[in-house]
Amino acid sequence: MTDIKIGDVVKVKSGGPPMTVQNIGDYTPTGPSNGAMCVWFDGKTNKSHVFAVEVLEKTDVGFGNVRLSRG
């Protein structure tokens, strides 16, 4: 069983952009029975696709070593 849930930031195990899981469910007959609807941006264009949950992994998206300070 996977621990991926709605709202998680994921990527395809073989690479690709960070994506947000919008929904998880059964997408048969045209998609996987254990599928995750993922959304992401390609430039300014919103994209979406259903992936089998098994090909996804959680990823960290953050500010890295950026420090925020006032004034």
N, C-alpha and C. Protein backbone atom coordinates (compact mmCIF):
# COMPACT_ATOMS: atom_id res chain seq x y z
N MET A 1 0.84 -1.19 0.00
CA MET A 1 0.00 0.00 0.00
C MET A 1 0.88 1.24 0.00
N THR A 2 0.46 2.25 -0.71
CA THR A 2 1.23 3.48 -0.79
C THR A 2 0.75 4.48 0.25
N ASP A 3 1.63 5.39 0.61
CA ASP A 3 1.24 6.43 1.55
C ASP A 3 1.01 7.77 0.85
N ILE A 4 0.87 7.75 -0.47
CA ILE A 4 0.58 8.96 -1.23
C ILE A 4 -0.89 9.32 -1.02
N LYS A 5 -1.11 10.62 -0.73
CA LYS A 5 -2.48 11.08 -0.51
C LYS A 5 -2.73 12.40 -1.21
N ILE A 6 -3.98 12.81 -1.27
CA ILE A 6 -4.37 14.06 -1.91
C ILE A 6 -3.61 15.21 -1.26
N GLY A 7 -3.05 16.07 -2.10
CA GLY A 7 -2.29 17.22 -1.62
C GLY A 7 -0.79 17.01 -1.58
N ASP A 8 -0.35 15.76 -1.66
CA ASP A 8 1.09 15.48 -1.66
C ASP A 8 1.74 15.98 -2.95
N VAL A 9 3.00 16.40 -2.85
CA VAL A 9 3.79 16.75 -4.02
C VAL A 9 4.59 15.52 -4.40
N VAL A 10 4.45 15.10 -5.65
CA VAL A 10 5.04 13.84 -6.12
C VAL A 10 5.76 14.08 -7.44
N LYS A 11 6.50 13.08 -7.86
CA LYS A 11 7.06 13.06 -9.21
C LYS A 11 7.07 11.61 -9.67
N VAL A 12 7.14 11.42 -10.98
CA VAL A 12 7.27 10.07 -11.53
C VAL A 12 8.66 9.56 -11.17
N LYS A 13 8.76 8.31 -10.77
CA LYS A 13 10.03 7.74 -10.32
C LYS A 13 11.14 7.89 -11.36
N SER A 14 10.78 7.90 -12.63
CA SER A 14 11.79 8.02 -13.69
C SER A 14 12.15 9.47 -14.00
N GLY A 15 11.52 10.43 -13.32
CA GLY A 15 11.84 11.84 -13.51
C GLY A 15 10.62 12.64 -13.93
N GLY A 16 10.83 13.94 -14.05
CA GLY A 16 9.74 14.81 -14.45
C GLY A 16 9.52 15.92 -13.44
N PRO A 17 8.52 16.78 -13.70
CA PRO A 17 8.28 17.93 -12.84
C PRO A 17 7.58 17.53 -11.54
N PRO A 18 7.70 18.37 -10.51
CA PRO A 18 6.89 18.15 -9.31
C PRO A 18 5.42 18.35 -9.66
N MET A 19 4.56 17.50 -9.10
CA MET A 19 3.13 17.56 -9.38
C MET A 19 2.39 17.45 -8.05
N THR A 20 1.18 17.98 -8.01
CA THR A 20 0.34 17.88 -6.82
C THR A 20 -0.75 16.84 -7.08
N VAL A 21 -0.95 15.94 -6.13
CA VAL A 21 -2.00 14.92 -6.24
C VAL A 21 -3.34 15.60 -5.97
N GLN A 22 -4.22 15.58 -6.97
CA GLN A 22 -5.53 16.21 -6.86
C GLN A 22 -6.60 15.22 -6.42
N ASN A 23 -6.46 13.96 -6.84
CA ASN A 23 -7.46 12.95 -6.49
C ASN A 23 -6.81 11.57 -6.62
N ILE A 24 -7.32 10.62 -5.86
CA ILE A 24 -6.87 9.24 -5.94
C ILE A 24 -8.10 8.36 -6.07
N GLY A 25 -8.05 7.41 -7.00
CA GLY A 25 -9.21 6.55 -7.16
C GLY A 25 -9.05 5.55 -8.28
N ASP A 26 -10.18 4.96 -8.64
CA ASP A 26 -10.24 3.95 -9.69
C ASP A 26 -10.59 4.65 -11.00
N TYR A 27 -9.67 4.65 -11.94
CA TYR A 27 -9.87 5.33 -13.22
C TYR A 27 -10.11 4.35 -14.36
N THR A 28 -10.46 3.09 -14.05
CA THR A 28 -10.79 2.14 -15.11
C THR A 28 -12.11 2.54 -15.73
N PRO A 29 -12.38 2.26 -16.97
CA PRO A 29 -11.69 1.37 -17.88
C PRO A 29 -10.59 2.05 -18.70
N THR A 30 -10.43 3.36 -18.63
CA THR A 30 -9.43 4.01 -19.48
C THR A 30 -8.10 4.29 -18.79
N GLY A 31 -8.03 4.07 -17.49
CA GLY A 31 -6.80 4.34 -16.75
C GLY A 31 -6.57 3.29 -15.68
N PRO A 32 -5.60 3.53 -14.80
CA PRO A 32 -5.28 2.54 -13.78
C PRO A 32 -6.36 2.44 -12.70
N SER A 33 -6.51 1.26 -12.13
CA SER A 33 -7.49 1.07 -11.06
C SER A 33 -7.04 1.75 -9.78
N ASN A 34 -5.74 1.90 -9.58
CA ASN A 34 -5.18 2.60 -8.42
C ASN A 34 -4.45 3.82 -8.96
N GLY A 35 -5.23 4.85 -9.35
CA GLY A 35 -4.65 5.99 -10.04
C GLY A 35 -4.63 7.25 -9.22
N ALA A 36 -3.72 8.14 -9.56
CA ALA A 36 -3.63 9.45 -8.94
C ALA A 36 -3.72 10.51 -10.03
N MET A 37 -4.72 11.38 -9.93
CA MET A 37 -4.83 12.51 -10.83
C MET A 37 -3.87 13.57 -10.32
N CYS A 38 -2.87 13.90 -11.14
CA CYS A 38 -1.84 14.86 -10.75
C CYS A 38 -1.95 16.11 -11.61
N VAL A 39 -1.65 17.26 -11.01
CA VAL A 39 -1.67 18.54 -11.73
C VAL A 39 -0.33 19.23 -11.55
N TRP A 40 0.08 19.99 -12.59
CA TRP A 40 1.32 20.75 -12.54
C TRP A 40 1.26 21.84 -13.60
N PHE A 41 2.22 22.74 -13.58
CA PHE A 41 2.30 23.80 -14.58
C PHE A 41 3.47 23.55 -15.51
N ASP A 42 3.23 23.77 -16.79
CA ASP A 42 4.26 23.77 -17.82
C ASP A 42 4.31 25.21 -18.32
N GLY A 43 5.20 26.01 -17.72
CA GLY A 43 5.17 27.44 -17.97
C GLY A 43 3.93 28.01 -17.31
N LYS A 44 3.05 28.61 -18.13
CA LYS A 44 1.79 29.15 -17.61
C LYS A 44 0.61 28.23 -17.88
N THR A 45 0.88 27.08 -18.48
CA THR A 45 -0.18 26.14 -18.85
C THR A 45 -0.37 25.09 -17.77
N ASN A 46 -1.61 24.95 -17.31
CA ASN A 46 -1.96 23.94 -16.32
C ASN A 46 -2.12 22.60 -17.03
N LYS A 47 -1.44 21.58 -16.52
CA LYS A 47 -1.51 20.23 -17.10
C LYS A 47 -2.05 19.27 -16.06
N SER A 48 -2.62 18.16 -16.50
CA SER A 48 -3.07 17.11 -15.59
C SER A 48 -2.99 15.76 -16.30
N HIS A 49 -2.83 14.72 -15.50
CA HIS A 49 -2.77 13.37 -16.04
C HIS A 49 -2.98 12.39 -14.89
N VAL A 50 -3.55 11.23 -15.21
CA VAL A 50 -3.70 10.17 -14.22
C VAL A 50 -2.53 9.21 -14.36
N PHE A 51 -1.84 8.98 -13.25
CA PHE A 51 -0.71 8.05 -13.18
C PHE A 51 -1.06 6.91 -12.24
N ALA A 52 -0.53 5.73 -12.51
CA ALA A 52 -0.63 4.64 -11.54
C ALA A 52 0.15 5.07 -10.29
N VAL A 53 -0.45 4.91 -9.13
CA VAL A 53 0.19 5.34 -7.88
C VAL A 53 1.56 4.68 -7.71
N GLU A 54 1.71 3.48 -8.21
CA GLU A 54 2.95 2.73 -8.05
C GLU A 54 4.15 3.36 -8.77
N VAL A 55 3.91 4.23 -9.75
CA VAL A 55 5.03 4.86 -10.47
C VAL A 55 5.41 6.21 -9.89
N LEU A 56 4.74 6.62 -8.81
CA LEU A 56 4.98 7.93 -8.20
C LEU A 56 5.76 7.80 -6.90
N GLU A 57 6.48 8.88 -6.56
CA GLU A 57 7.14 8.97 -5.26
C GLU A 57 6.99 10.39 -4.75
N LYS A 58 6.91 10.53 -3.43
CA LYS A 58 6.83 11.86 -2.83
C LYS A 58 8.14 12.58 -3.07
N THR A 59 8.05 13.90 -3.19
CA THR A 59 9.25 14.71 -3.39
C THR A 59 9.16 15.93 -2.50
N ASP A 60 10.30 16.45 -2.12
CA ASP A 60 10.35 17.67 -1.32
C ASP A 60 10.46 18.86 -2.24
N VAL A 61 9.58 19.81 -2.07
CA VAL A 61 9.67 21.06 -2.80
C VAL A 61 9.72 22.16 -1.75
N GLY A 62 10.78 22.93 -1.78
CA GLY A 62 10.91 23.98 -0.78
C GLY A 62 11.82 25.07 -1.26
N PHE A 63 12.28 25.86 -0.33
CA PHE A 63 13.14 26.99 -0.65
C PHE A 63 14.61 26.64 -0.60
N GLY A 64 14.96 25.40 -0.29
CA GLY A 64 16.36 25.02 -0.24
C GLY A 64 17.11 25.79 0.83
N ASN A 65 18.19 26.47 0.45
CA ASN A 65 19.00 27.20 1.41
C ASN A 65 18.68 28.69 1.44
N VAL A 66 17.53 29.09 0.97
CA VAL A 66 17.16 30.50 0.95
C VAL A 66 16.81 30.94 2.37
N ARG A 67 17.35 32.08 2.75
CA ARG A 67 17.01 32.64 4.06
C ARG A 67 16.21 33.92 3.86
N LEU A 68 15.17 34.06 4.62
CA LEU A 68 14.35 35.24 4.55
C LEU A 68 14.67 36.12 5.75
N SER A 69 14.80 37.43 5.50
CA SER A 69 15.06 38.36 6.61
C SER A 69 14.34 39.67 6.34
N ARG A 70 14.09 40.40 7.39
CA ARG A 70 13.42 41.69 7.25
C ARG A 70 14.44 42.81 7.17
N GLY A 71 14.11 43.80 6.33
CA GLY A 71 14.84 45.04 6.23
C GLY A 71 16.26 44.95 6.01
